[in-house]
Amino acid sequence: MSRKALLVILIASLLLNVAAVGGFVYVRYYLAFHARLAPVSRRLELDAAGQARLVQFRRDAWAVIRESRPESASVLLQLNQAIATAPAGDPALEQALQRLGDTRRARQEKMVGLIIAFRDGLPPESRKQFNEMAKDPGFVLELLGLRLGPEP
């Protein structure tokens, strides 16, 4: 084969590889993101601005979760150490449980604030649907994109 033919084959192969990687990234991230956004958007009948608010809500909510993880992990480690060494009713065990409860409460308060702020920014019809969704025990998971819709 001539050098020109090899060069053409090399370039074509490179282009196919780049297209394959681009297609994978598109399907894996872009389409998956929108698939998780679509059920809530449809149920709340969100327009483009509402969808943007939902995306921002999810970013803020995941930021709250991420920032609370290290503290929760250290408190859980302390609790595990107290469980391993302390007898029942030991003050160290009670303190570890109290710190764990305080950490979780602080995270939940932040999350509830974000959810209420999101709800209050919805138009009246969407807010009515949101309030109906809130009756479902798993609606926060759906709002965060961890569940794709109501259980059948």
Protein backbone atom coordinates (compact mmCIF):
# COMPACT_ATOMS: atom_id res chain seq x y z
CA MET A 1 0.00 0.00 0.00
CA SER A 2 1.08 3.51 -0.65
CA ARG A 3 1.71 6.03 2.08
CA LYS A 4 -1.29 8.11 0.95
CA ALA A 5 -3.64 5.15 1.35
CA LEU A 6 -2.27 4.40 4.82
CA LEU A 7 -2.64 8.04 5.81
CA VAL A 8 -6.27 8.10 4.61
CA ILE A 9 -7.02 4.89 6.54
CA LEU A 10 -5.34 6.29 9.66
CA ILE A 11 -7.31 9.54 9.49
CA ALA A 12 -10.58 7.67 8.86
CA SER A 13 -9.88 5.40 11.83
CA LEU A 14 -9.07 8.38 14.03
CA LEU A 15 -12.30 10.12 13.01
CA LEU A 16 -14.33 6.99 13.74
CA ASN A 17 -12.74 6.66 17.17
CA VAL A 18 -13.42 10.29 18.02
CA ALA A 19 -17.02 9.90 16.84
CA ALA A 20 -17.46 6.76 18.95
CA VAL A 21 -16.12 8.48 22.08
CA GLY A 22 -18.28 11.55 21.39
CA GLY A 23 -21.35 9.36 20.92
CA PHE A 24 -20.65 7.52 24.17
CA VAL A 25 -20.28 10.77 26.12
CA TYR A 26 -23.45 12.16 24.53
CA VAL A 27 -25.53 9.10 25.39
CA ARG A 28 -24.00 8.49 28.81
CA TYR A 29 -24.15 12.01 30.17
CA TYR A 30 -26.33 14.33 28.10
CA LEU A 31 -29.22 11.98 27.34
CA ALA A 32 -29.09 10.34 30.77
CA PHE A 33 -29.25 13.76 32.43
CA HIS A 34 -32.30 14.77 30.40
CA ALA A 35 -33.96 11.39 30.95
CA ARG A 36 -33.79 12.00 34.71
CA LEU A 37 -35.08 15.56 34.25
CA ALA A 38 -38.01 14.69 31.99
CA PRO A 39 -40.42 12.92 34.41
CA VAL A 40 -40.44 15.76 36.92
CA SER A 41 -40.59 18.37 34.16
CA ARG A 42 -43.61 16.66 32.60
CA ARG A 43 -45.44 16.15 35.88
CA LEU A 44 -44.91 19.77 36.92
CA GLU A 45 -45.41 21.07 33.36
CA LEU A 46 -42.21 23.12 33.58
CA ASP A 47 -41.20 25.51 30.84
CA ALA A 48 -37.55 26.15 29.95
CA ALA A 49 -37.09 28.55 32.88
CA GLY A 50 -38.66 26.04 35.26
CA GLN A 51 -36.38 23.31 33.97
CA ALA A 52 -33.40 25.57 34.54
CA ARG A 53 -34.60 26.15 38.12
CA LEU A 54 -34.94 22.39 38.59
CA VAL A 55 -31.39 21.86 37.34
CA GLN A 56 -30.13 24.56 39.73
CA PHE A 57 -32.13 23.03 42.59
CA ARG A 58 -30.51 19.65 41.92
CA ARG A 59 -27.03 21.20 41.84
CA ASP A 60 -27.66 23.00 45.13
CA ALA A 61 -29.16 19.89 46.76
CA TRP A 62 -26.24 17.69 45.73
CA ALA A 63 -23.84 20.35 47.00
CA VAL A 64 -25.54 20.16 50.41
CA ILE A 65 -25.24 16.38 50.37
CA ARG A 66 -21.58 16.47 49.30
CA GLU A 67 -20.61 19.04 51.92
CA SER A 68 -22.25 17.04 54.72
CA ARG A 69 -20.61 13.71 53.82
CA PRO A 70 -17.22 14.24 55.49
CA GLU A 71 -18.81 15.36 58.75
CA SER A 72 -21.33 12.51 58.65
CA ALA A 73 -18.55 10.02 57.98
CA SER A 74 -16.47 11.19 60.93
CA VAL A 75 -19.50 11.14 63.23
CA LEU A 76 -20.39 7.62 62.04
CA LEU A 77 -16.81 6.52 62.68
CA GLN A 78 -17.00 7.90 66.22
CA LEU A 79 -20.31 6.12 66.71
CA ASN A 80 -18.85 2.84 65.45
CA GLN A 81 -15.88 3.20 67.79
CA ALA A 82 -18.23 3.90 70.70
CA ILE A 83 -20.34 0.87 69.80
CA ALA A 84 -17.23 -1.31 69.71
CA THR A 85 -15.88 -0.18 73.09
CA ALA A 86 -18.59 1.42 75.21
CA PRO A 87 -21.15 -0.44 77.30
CA ALA A 88 -24.84 0.26 76.80
CA GLY A 89 -25.87 3.63 78.19
CA ASP A 90 -22.32 5.00 78.12
CA PRO A 91 -22.21 8.81 77.73
CA ALA A 92 -19.76 8.48 74.80
CA LEU A 93 -22.33 6.40 72.93
CA GLU A 94 -25.09 8.88 73.73
CA GLN A 95 -22.92 11.81 72.61
CA ALA A 96 -22.06 10.09 69.33
CA LEU A 97 -25.75 9.42 68.67
CA GLN A 98 -26.58 13.03 69.49
CA ARG A 99 -23.89 14.34 67.10
CA LEU A 100 -25.15 12.03 64.37
CA GLY A 101 -28.70 13.29 64.87
CA ASP A 102 -27.53 16.92 64.83
CA THR A 103 -25.58 16.38 61.60
CA ARG A 104 -28.51 14.75 59.87
CA ARG A 105 -30.92 17.38 61.14
CA ALA A 106 -28.74 20.22 59.81
CA ARG A 107 -28.59 18.55 56.38
CA GLN A 108 -32.34 17.96 56.36
CA GLU A 109 -33.04 21.59 57.32
CA LYS A 110 -30.93 22.80 54.39
CA MET A 111 -32.65 20.36 52.01
CA VAL A 112 -36.13 21.38 53.17
CA GLY A 113 -35.19 25.03 52.65
CA LEU A 114 -34.08 24.29 49.08
CA ILE A 115 -37.23 22.28 48.36
CA ILE A 116 -39.52 25.00 49.71
CA ALA A 117 -37.66 27.69 47.75
CA PHE A 118 -38.07 25.62 44.59
CA ARG A 119 -41.76 25.04 45.29
CA ASP A 120 -42.40 28.73 45.99
CA GLY A 121 -40.90 29.67 42.61
CA LEU A 122 -43.34 27.46 40.70
CA PRO A 123 -46.43 28.83 38.94
CA PRO A 124 -49.75 28.06 40.73
CA GLU A 125 -50.69 25.01 38.62
CA SER A 126 -47.24 23.50 38.95
CA ARG A 127 -47.23 24.24 42.68
CA LYS A 128 -50.53 22.37 43.01
CA GLN A 129 -49.01 19.36 41.23
CA PHE A 130 -45.87 19.67 43.36
CA ASN A 131 -47.99 19.52 46.51
CA GLU A 132 -49.64 16.35 45.20
CA MET A 133 -46.22 14.87 44.45
CA ALA A 134 -45.08 15.74 47.98
CA LYS A 135 -47.60 13.26 49.38
CA ASP A 136 -45.59 10.42 47.80
CA PRO A 137 -42.90 9.24 50.26
CA GLY A 138 -40.31 9.00 47.46
CA PHE A 139 -40.95 12.36 45.83
CA VAL A 140 -37.66 13.85 47.04
CA LEU A 141 -35.85 11.02 45.25
CA GLU A 142 -37.79 11.86 42.10
CA LEU A 143 -37.05 15.56 42.53
CA LEU A 144 -33.33 14.76 42.84
CA GLY A 145 -33.45 12.54 39.76
CA LEU A 146 -32.81 9.30 41.66
CA ARG A 147 -36.18 7.84 40.80
CA LEU A 148 -37.77 8.25 37.38
CA GLY A 149 -41.39 8.49 38.46
CA PRO A 150 -44.03 7.31 40.86
CA GLU A 151 -44.06 3.65 41.76
CA PRO A 152 -46.61 1.64 39.74
